[in-house]
N, C-alpha and C. Protein backbone atom coordinates (compact mmCIF):
# COMPACT_ATOMS: atom_id res chain seq x y z
N MET A 1 86.97 35.39 63.90
CA MET A 1 85.60 35.77 63.58
C MET A 1 84.82 34.51 63.22
N ASN A 2 83.58 34.48 63.58
CA ASN A 2 82.71 33.34 63.34
C ASN A 2 82.45 33.16 61.84
N PRO A 3 82.85 32.03 61.25
CA PRO A 3 82.65 31.83 59.81
C PRO A 3 81.18 31.78 59.41
N LEU A 4 80.28 31.54 60.36
CA LEU A 4 78.86 31.52 60.03
C LEU A 4 78.32 32.91 59.72
N LEU A 5 79.08 33.95 60.09
CA LEU A 5 78.64 35.30 59.80
C LEU A 5 78.90 35.68 58.35
N PHE A 6 79.70 34.89 57.65
CA PHE A 6 80.01 35.19 56.25
C PHE A 6 79.14 34.36 55.33
N GLU A 7 78.61 35.00 54.32
CA GLU A 7 77.76 34.29 53.37
C GLU A 7 77.84 35.02 52.04
N LYS A 8 78.18 34.32 50.99
CA LYS A 8 78.26 34.93 49.67
C LYS A 8 76.86 35.31 49.19
N GLN A 9 76.79 36.42 48.46
CA GLN A 9 75.52 36.87 47.91
C GLN A 9 75.05 35.90 46.84
N LYS A 10 73.75 35.60 46.86
CA LYS A 10 73.13 34.75 45.86
C LYS A 10 71.94 35.48 45.28
N ASN A 11 71.47 35.02 44.14
CA ASN A 11 70.26 35.61 43.56
C ASN A 11 69.06 35.24 44.41
N GLY A 12 68.08 36.12 44.43
CA GLY A 12 66.86 35.84 45.16
C GLY A 12 66.80 36.58 46.48
N PHE A 13 65.69 36.39 47.17
CA PHE A 13 65.47 37.12 48.41
C PHE A 13 65.62 36.24 49.64
N GLU A 14 66.09 35.03 49.48
CA GLU A 14 66.20 34.12 50.61
C GLU A 14 67.22 34.58 51.65
N HIS A 15 67.99 35.63 51.32
CA HIS A 15 69.02 36.08 52.26
C HIS A 15 68.62 37.33 53.01
N ALA A 16 67.38 37.76 52.86
CA ALA A 16 66.90 38.91 53.61
C ALA A 16 66.89 38.57 55.09
N LYS A 17 67.06 39.56 55.90
CA LYS A 17 67.06 39.35 57.34
C LYS A 17 65.70 38.81 57.77
N LYS A 18 65.71 37.79 58.59
CA LYS A 18 64.47 37.19 59.08
C LYS A 18 63.66 38.23 59.84
N GLY A 19 62.35 38.24 59.60
CA GLY A 19 61.46 39.18 60.24
C GLY A 19 61.29 40.49 59.48
N ALA A 20 62.09 40.69 58.42
CA ALA A 20 61.97 41.91 57.62
C ALA A 20 60.76 41.82 56.70
N LEU A 21 60.36 42.93 56.14
CA LEU A 21 59.26 42.94 55.16
C LEU A 21 59.60 42.00 54.01
N SER A 22 58.61 41.33 53.46
CA SER A 22 58.86 40.35 52.40
C SER A 22 58.75 41.02 51.02
N ILE A 23 59.78 41.79 50.69
CA ILE A 23 59.83 42.43 49.38
C ILE A 23 60.56 41.52 48.40
N ARG A 24 60.35 41.75 47.10
CA ARG A 24 60.97 40.90 46.08
C ARG A 24 62.22 41.51 45.47
N SER A 25 62.18 42.81 45.16
CA SER A 25 63.32 43.40 44.47
C SER A 25 63.20 44.91 44.45
N LEU A 26 64.25 45.56 44.01
CA LEU A 26 64.22 46.99 43.77
C LEU A 26 63.40 47.24 42.52
N ASN A 27 62.42 48.13 42.58
CA ASN A 27 61.59 48.44 41.43
C ASN A 27 62.09 49.68 40.71
N HIS A 28 62.32 50.76 41.45
CA HIS A 28 62.78 51.98 40.79
C HIS A 28 63.54 52.87 41.76
N VAL A 29 64.27 53.79 41.15
CA VAL A 29 64.94 54.87 41.86
C VAL A 29 64.33 56.14 41.31
N SER A 30 64.04 57.09 42.17
CA SER A 30 63.34 58.31 41.76
C SER A 30 64.21 59.52 42.05
N PHE A 31 64.26 60.46 41.10
CA PHE A 31 65.03 61.68 41.27
C PHE A 31 64.16 62.88 40.89
N SER A 32 64.21 63.94 41.70
CA SER A 32 63.63 65.22 41.32
C SER A 32 64.66 65.94 40.46
N VAL A 33 64.23 66.38 39.28
CA VAL A 33 65.15 67.05 38.35
C VAL A 33 64.44 68.24 37.73
N PRO A 34 65.17 69.32 37.41
CA PRO A 34 64.52 70.49 36.83
C PRO A 34 64.05 70.27 35.40
N GLU A 35 64.73 69.40 34.65
CA GLU A 35 64.39 69.18 33.25
C GLU A 35 64.36 67.68 32.95
N PRO A 36 63.23 67.01 33.25
CA PRO A 36 63.16 65.57 33.07
C PRO A 36 63.49 65.09 31.65
N VAL A 37 63.10 65.84 30.64
CA VAL A 37 63.36 65.40 29.27
C VAL A 37 64.86 65.41 28.98
N LYS A 38 65.55 66.48 29.38
CA LYS A 38 67.01 66.55 29.13
C LYS A 38 67.74 65.48 29.93
N THR A 39 67.38 65.32 31.18
CA THR A 39 68.02 64.27 32.00
C THR A 39 67.68 62.90 31.44
N GLY A 40 66.44 62.70 31.03
CA GLY A 40 66.03 61.43 30.44
C GLY A 40 66.78 61.12 29.16
N ARG A 41 67.00 62.13 28.34
CA ARG A 41 67.75 61.94 27.11
C ARG A 41 69.17 61.44 27.41
N PHE A 42 69.78 61.99 28.44
CA PHE A 42 71.13 61.55 28.83
C PHE A 42 71.09 60.07 29.26
N PHE A 43 70.13 59.71 30.10
CA PHE A 43 70.03 58.33 30.55
C PHE A 43 69.76 57.38 29.38
N CYS A 44 69.00 57.84 28.41
CA CYS A 44 68.71 57.00 27.24
C CYS A 44 69.91 56.91 26.30
N ASP A 45 70.46 58.07 25.92
CA ASP A 45 71.55 58.09 24.94
C ASP A 45 72.86 57.53 25.49
N ILE A 46 73.18 57.82 26.72
CA ILE A 46 74.48 57.42 27.28
C ILE A 46 74.40 56.08 28.00
N LEU A 47 73.33 55.82 28.73
CA LEU A 47 73.24 54.61 29.55
C LEU A 47 72.32 53.54 28.97
N GLY A 48 71.62 53.83 27.89
CA GLY A 48 70.82 52.80 27.23
C GLY A 48 69.42 52.59 27.76
N PHE A 49 68.91 53.50 28.59
CA PHE A 49 67.54 53.37 29.07
C PHE A 49 66.55 53.70 27.97
N ARG A 50 65.31 53.32 28.16
CA ARG A 50 64.22 53.63 27.23
C ARG A 50 63.06 54.21 28.02
N VAL A 51 62.35 55.14 27.40
CA VAL A 51 61.19 55.77 28.03
C VAL A 51 60.04 54.76 28.03
N VAL A 52 59.35 54.68 29.16
CA VAL A 52 58.19 53.78 29.28
C VAL A 52 56.98 54.58 29.74
N ARG A 53 55.82 54.00 29.53
CA ARG A 53 54.55 54.64 29.92
C ARG A 53 54.49 54.82 31.43
N ARG A 54 53.92 55.93 31.85
CA ARG A 54 53.72 56.17 33.27
C ARG A 54 52.28 56.58 33.50
N PRO A 55 51.77 56.41 34.71
CA PRO A 55 50.40 56.82 35.00
C PRO A 55 50.22 58.33 34.79
N ASN A 56 49.01 58.76 34.63
CA ASN A 56 48.70 60.16 34.42
C ASN A 56 48.63 60.87 35.78
N PHE A 57 49.80 61.08 36.38
CA PHE A 57 49.87 61.76 37.66
C PHE A 57 49.56 63.25 37.49
N ASN A 58 49.37 63.95 38.61
CA ASN A 58 49.11 65.38 38.55
C ASN A 58 50.42 66.19 38.63
N PHE A 59 51.53 65.58 38.24
CA PHE A 59 52.82 66.27 38.16
C PHE A 59 53.58 65.69 36.97
N ASP A 60 54.47 66.49 36.41
CA ASP A 60 55.23 66.09 35.24
C ASP A 60 56.41 65.19 35.61
N GLY A 61 56.79 64.39 34.65
CA GLY A 61 57.95 63.53 34.81
C GLY A 61 57.98 62.49 33.71
N ILE A 62 59.01 61.70 33.71
CA ILE A 62 59.12 60.58 32.77
C ILE A 62 59.68 59.38 33.51
N TRP A 63 59.34 58.21 33.00
CA TRP A 63 59.87 56.96 33.54
C TRP A 63 60.76 56.32 32.49
N LEU A 64 61.84 55.75 32.97
CA LEU A 64 62.80 55.06 32.11
C LEU A 64 62.96 53.63 32.60
N TYR A 65 63.34 52.74 31.68
CA TYR A 65 63.53 51.34 32.08
C TYR A 65 64.68 50.72 31.30
N SER A 66 65.49 49.95 32.00
CA SER A 66 66.50 49.06 31.42
C SER A 66 67.17 48.31 32.56
N TYR A 67 67.88 47.27 32.22
CA TYR A 67 68.68 46.51 33.19
C TYR A 67 67.85 45.99 34.37
N GLY A 68 66.54 45.85 34.16
CA GLY A 68 65.69 45.32 35.21
C GLY A 68 65.23 46.34 36.24
N ILE A 69 65.56 47.61 36.03
CA ILE A 69 65.10 48.65 36.98
C ILE A 69 64.50 49.82 36.22
N GLN A 70 63.70 50.59 36.94
CA GLN A 70 63.16 51.82 36.40
C GLN A 70 63.83 53.00 37.10
N ILE A 71 63.95 54.09 36.36
CA ILE A 71 64.36 55.37 36.93
C ILE A 71 63.21 56.32 36.67
N HIS A 72 62.70 56.92 37.73
CA HIS A 72 61.61 57.88 37.61
C HIS A 72 62.21 59.28 37.78
N LEU A 73 62.02 60.10 36.76
CA LEU A 73 62.49 61.48 36.79
C LEU A 73 61.28 62.37 36.99
N ILE A 74 61.26 63.05 38.12
CA ILE A 74 60.10 63.87 38.52
C ILE A 74 60.46 65.34 38.36
N GLN A 75 59.57 66.07 37.68
CA GLN A 75 59.78 67.52 37.51
C GLN A 75 59.82 68.17 38.88
N GLY A 76 60.93 68.84 39.19
CA GLY A 76 61.05 69.51 40.48
C GLY A 76 62.44 70.07 40.67
N THR A 77 62.69 70.54 41.84
CA THR A 77 63.99 71.09 42.17
C THR A 77 64.93 69.95 42.52
N ALA A 78 66.06 69.92 41.84
CA ALA A 78 67.05 68.88 42.12
C ALA A 78 67.63 69.09 43.51
N LEU A 79 68.02 68.01 44.13
CA LEU A 79 68.75 68.13 45.39
C LEU A 79 70.03 68.90 45.16
N GLU A 80 70.49 69.56 46.19
CA GLU A 80 71.77 70.24 46.07
C GLU A 80 72.86 69.16 46.05
N ARG A 81 73.58 69.12 44.96
CA ARG A 81 74.63 68.11 44.79
C ARG A 81 75.96 68.82 44.63
N PRO A 82 77.06 68.20 45.10
CA PRO A 82 78.36 68.84 44.96
C PRO A 82 78.70 69.06 43.48
N GLY A 83 79.40 70.15 43.19
CA GLY A 83 79.81 70.44 41.82
C GLY A 83 80.92 69.54 41.33
N THR A 84 81.67 68.95 42.26
CA THR A 84 82.77 68.08 41.88
C THR A 84 82.35 66.62 42.01
N LEU A 85 83.14 65.76 41.42
CA LEU A 85 82.88 64.32 41.53
C LEU A 85 83.43 63.82 42.86
N LYS A 86 82.54 63.46 43.74
CA LYS A 86 82.92 62.98 45.07
C LYS A 86 82.29 61.60 45.28
N PRO A 87 83.08 60.53 45.19
CA PRO A 87 82.54 59.18 45.31
C PRO A 87 81.81 58.91 46.63
N ASN A 88 82.08 59.69 47.66
CA ASN A 88 81.44 59.43 48.95
C ASN A 88 80.15 60.22 49.12
N THR A 89 79.51 60.58 47.99
CA THR A 89 78.21 61.23 48.04
C THR A 89 77.19 60.38 47.27
N ASP A 90 75.92 60.77 47.34
CA ASP A 90 74.85 60.00 46.70
C ASP A 90 75.15 59.76 45.23
N HIS A 91 74.87 58.54 44.78
CA HIS A 91 75.03 58.20 43.37
C HIS A 91 74.26 56.92 43.07
N ILE A 92 74.11 56.65 41.79
CA ILE A 92 73.51 55.40 41.34
C ILE A 92 74.62 54.64 40.62
N SER A 93 74.69 53.33 40.85
CA SER A 93 75.80 52.54 40.33
C SER A 93 75.31 51.42 39.42
N PHE A 94 76.06 51.20 38.36
CA PHE A 94 75.79 50.12 37.40
C PHE A 94 77.05 49.30 37.23
N GLN A 95 76.88 48.00 37.07
CA GLN A 95 78.01 47.11 36.79
C GLN A 95 78.21 47.01 35.29
N ALA A 96 79.47 46.83 34.90
CA ALA A 96 79.78 46.65 33.48
C ALA A 96 80.99 45.71 33.38
N ASP A 97 81.12 45.09 32.22
CA ASP A 97 82.23 44.15 32.00
C ASP A 97 83.46 44.83 31.40
N ASP A 98 83.27 45.76 30.48
CA ASP A 98 84.37 46.35 29.74
C ASP A 98 84.48 47.84 30.07
N LEU A 99 85.14 48.14 31.18
CA LEU A 99 85.23 49.53 31.61
C LEU A 99 86.14 50.37 30.72
N SER A 100 87.10 49.75 30.04
CA SER A 100 87.97 50.53 29.15
C SER A 100 87.18 51.08 27.97
N SER A 101 86.23 50.31 27.44
CA SER A 101 85.41 50.84 26.33
C SER A 101 84.48 51.95 26.83
N ILE A 102 84.05 51.85 28.09
CA ILE A 102 83.22 52.91 28.66
C ILE A 102 84.05 54.18 28.84
N GLN A 103 85.29 54.03 29.31
CA GLN A 103 86.17 55.20 29.41
C GLN A 103 86.37 55.84 28.04
N ASN A 104 86.59 55.02 27.01
CA ASN A 104 86.78 55.54 25.66
C ASN A 104 85.55 56.32 25.19
N LYS A 105 84.36 55.79 25.48
CA LYS A 105 83.13 56.47 25.07
C LYS A 105 82.96 57.78 25.83
N LEU A 106 83.22 57.77 27.14
CA LEU A 106 83.12 59.01 27.92
C LEU A 106 84.11 60.04 27.39
N ASP A 107 85.34 59.61 27.05
CA ASP A 107 86.33 60.51 26.47
C ASP A 107 85.82 61.09 25.15
N ALA A 108 85.28 60.23 24.28
CA ALA A 108 84.79 60.66 22.97
C ALA A 108 83.64 61.65 23.11
N LEU A 109 82.84 61.50 24.15
CA LEU A 109 81.69 62.39 24.36
C LEU A 109 82.05 63.61 25.21
N ASP A 110 83.32 63.73 25.59
CA ASP A 110 83.78 64.84 26.44
C ASP A 110 83.04 64.91 27.76
N ILE A 111 82.75 63.74 28.33
CA ILE A 111 82.11 63.67 29.65
C ILE A 111 83.20 63.47 30.68
N PRO A 112 83.42 64.47 31.55
CA PRO A 112 84.46 64.31 32.57
C PRO A 112 84.10 63.19 33.54
N TYR A 113 85.09 62.44 33.96
CA TYR A 113 84.86 61.36 34.92
C TYR A 113 86.05 61.24 35.85
N LEU A 114 85.79 60.59 36.96
CA LEU A 114 86.81 60.29 37.94
C LEU A 114 86.99 58.79 37.94
N CYS A 115 88.22 58.34 37.84
CA CYS A 115 88.52 56.91 37.84
C CYS A 115 89.19 56.56 39.16
N GLU A 116 88.61 55.61 39.88
CA GLU A 116 89.17 55.13 41.15
C GLU A 116 89.50 53.66 41.00
N PHE A 117 90.72 53.29 41.35
CA PHE A 117 91.11 51.88 41.29
C PHE A 117 91.60 51.46 42.67
N HIS A 118 91.05 50.38 43.17
CA HIS A 118 91.42 49.85 44.48
C HIS A 118 92.19 48.55 44.24
N GLU A 119 93.49 48.66 44.29
CA GLU A 119 94.40 47.58 43.91
C GLU A 119 94.13 46.27 44.64
N ALA A 120 93.97 46.32 45.95
CA ALA A 120 93.81 45.09 46.73
C ALA A 120 92.60 44.27 46.28
N GLU A 121 91.53 44.95 45.91
CA GLU A 121 90.30 44.26 45.50
C GLU A 121 90.16 44.16 43.98
N LYS A 122 91.05 44.84 43.24
CA LYS A 122 90.95 44.93 41.76
C LYS A 122 89.63 45.58 41.34
N LEU A 123 89.14 46.50 42.18
CA LEU A 123 87.88 47.19 41.96
C LEU A 123 88.14 48.48 41.20
N LEU A 124 87.48 48.63 40.05
CA LEU A 124 87.59 49.83 39.23
C LEU A 124 86.24 50.53 39.21
N GLN A 125 86.25 51.83 39.49
CA GLN A 125 85.02 52.62 39.53
C GLN A 125 85.20 53.88 38.67
N LEU A 126 84.21 54.16 37.83
CA LEU A 126 84.18 55.39 37.05
C LEU A 126 82.99 56.21 37.54
N PHE A 127 83.22 57.46 37.87
CA PHE A 127 82.17 58.36 38.35
C PHE A 127 82.03 59.53 37.38
N PHE A 128 80.79 59.85 37.00
CA PHE A 128 80.53 61.02 36.17
C PHE A 128 79.14 61.53 36.51
N LYS A 129 78.82 62.71 36.00
CA LYS A 129 77.54 63.34 36.34
C LYS A 129 76.67 63.54 35.11
N GLU A 130 75.38 63.39 35.33
CA GLU A 130 74.41 63.80 34.33
C GLU A 130 74.41 65.33 34.39
N PRO A 131 74.65 66.01 33.26
CA PRO A 131 74.94 67.45 33.31
C PRO A 131 73.77 68.36 33.68
N HIS A 132 72.54 67.96 33.51
CA HIS A 132 71.41 68.86 33.75
C HIS A 132 70.91 68.83 35.18
N SER A 133 71.12 67.71 35.87
CA SER A 133 70.62 67.59 37.25
C SER A 133 71.74 67.36 38.26
N GLY A 134 72.90 66.99 37.78
CA GLY A 134 74.02 66.71 38.69
C GLY A 134 73.98 65.33 39.31
N ILE A 135 73.06 64.46 38.86
CA ILE A 135 73.01 63.10 39.40
C ILE A 135 74.34 62.41 39.09
N MET A 136 74.97 61.88 40.13
CA MET A 136 76.24 61.19 39.92
C MET A 136 75.98 59.73 39.60
N ILE A 137 76.73 59.24 38.64
CA ILE A 137 76.60 57.87 38.16
C ILE A 137 77.94 57.18 38.35
N GLU A 138 77.89 55.96 38.82
CA GLU A 138 79.09 55.13 38.93
C GLU A 138 78.92 53.94 38.00
N ILE A 139 79.99 53.60 37.31
CA ILE A 139 80.02 52.35 36.55
C ILE A 139 81.25 51.61 37.06
N CYS A 140 81.05 50.35 37.43
CA CYS A 140 82.13 49.62 38.09
C CYS A 140 82.16 48.16 37.66
N ASN A 141 83.22 47.51 38.06
CA ASN A 141 83.33 46.05 37.94
C ASN A 141 83.12 45.44 39.32
N CYS A 142 82.05 45.84 39.98
CA CYS A 142 81.80 45.52 41.39
C CYS A 142 81.71 44.02 41.69
N GLU A 143 81.52 43.20 40.68
CA GLU A 143 81.45 41.75 40.93
C GLU A 143 82.77 41.21 41.47
N VAL A 144 83.86 41.95 41.32
CA VAL A 144 85.14 41.49 41.86
C VAL A 144 85.18 41.62 43.39
N PHE A 145 84.22 42.34 43.94
CA PHE A 145 84.15 42.53 45.40
C PHE A 145 82.78 42.05 45.86
N PRO A 146 82.62 40.73 46.00
CA PRO A 146 81.30 40.18 46.30
C PRO A 146 80.78 40.60 47.68
N VAL A 147 79.47 40.59 47.79
CA VAL A 147 78.81 40.90 49.05
C VAL A 147 79.07 39.75 50.02
N GLU A 148 79.51 40.08 51.20
CA GLU A 148 79.69 39.10 52.27
C GLU A 148 79.03 39.66 53.52
N TYR A 149 78.04 38.93 54.03
CA TYR A 149 77.39 39.36 55.27
C TYR A 149 78.36 39.11 56.40
N ILE A 150 78.64 40.15 57.20
CA ILE A 150 79.65 39.99 58.25
C ILE A 150 79.11 40.16 59.65
N ASP A 151 77.98 40.84 59.82
CA ASP A 151 77.50 41.06 61.17
C ASP A 151 76.14 41.75 61.12
N GLU A 152 75.49 41.78 62.24
CA GLU A 152 74.23 42.51 62.39
C GLU A 152 74.54 43.87 62.96
N LEU A 153 73.69 44.84 62.65
CA LEU A 153 73.86 46.18 63.23
C LEU A 153 73.30 46.21 64.62
């Protein structure tokens, strides 16, 4: 394989595909949820987000911020999500350094989770759900599996 096709991920946008839109970063992820306050409380209490001001839209919702991103929770019907923890379905992922302390906290809070360990890559993933909307959350040590550009689609 051509070694020029491999490139380690670096900070910044200089690695975007040439000719693509010139965006800077991810700003927010948005979810339709039946109870934005309850879902927001989970994101704040469990994941450390904080509520931030949002424009006076003509629909209800709340905005959360932490870790350099916003999560927008919009009052509405949640997407149909599987009742079980299935890593191969939609989810939002966060990196963490100490996954054993996160497991301990999830255990203490009686939050069911699925633990996946990929031995070859030393990749550990914890999957759990926000109970009011079913949004699946992953917490991982993903830095052990760096992004490598391998080919064009």
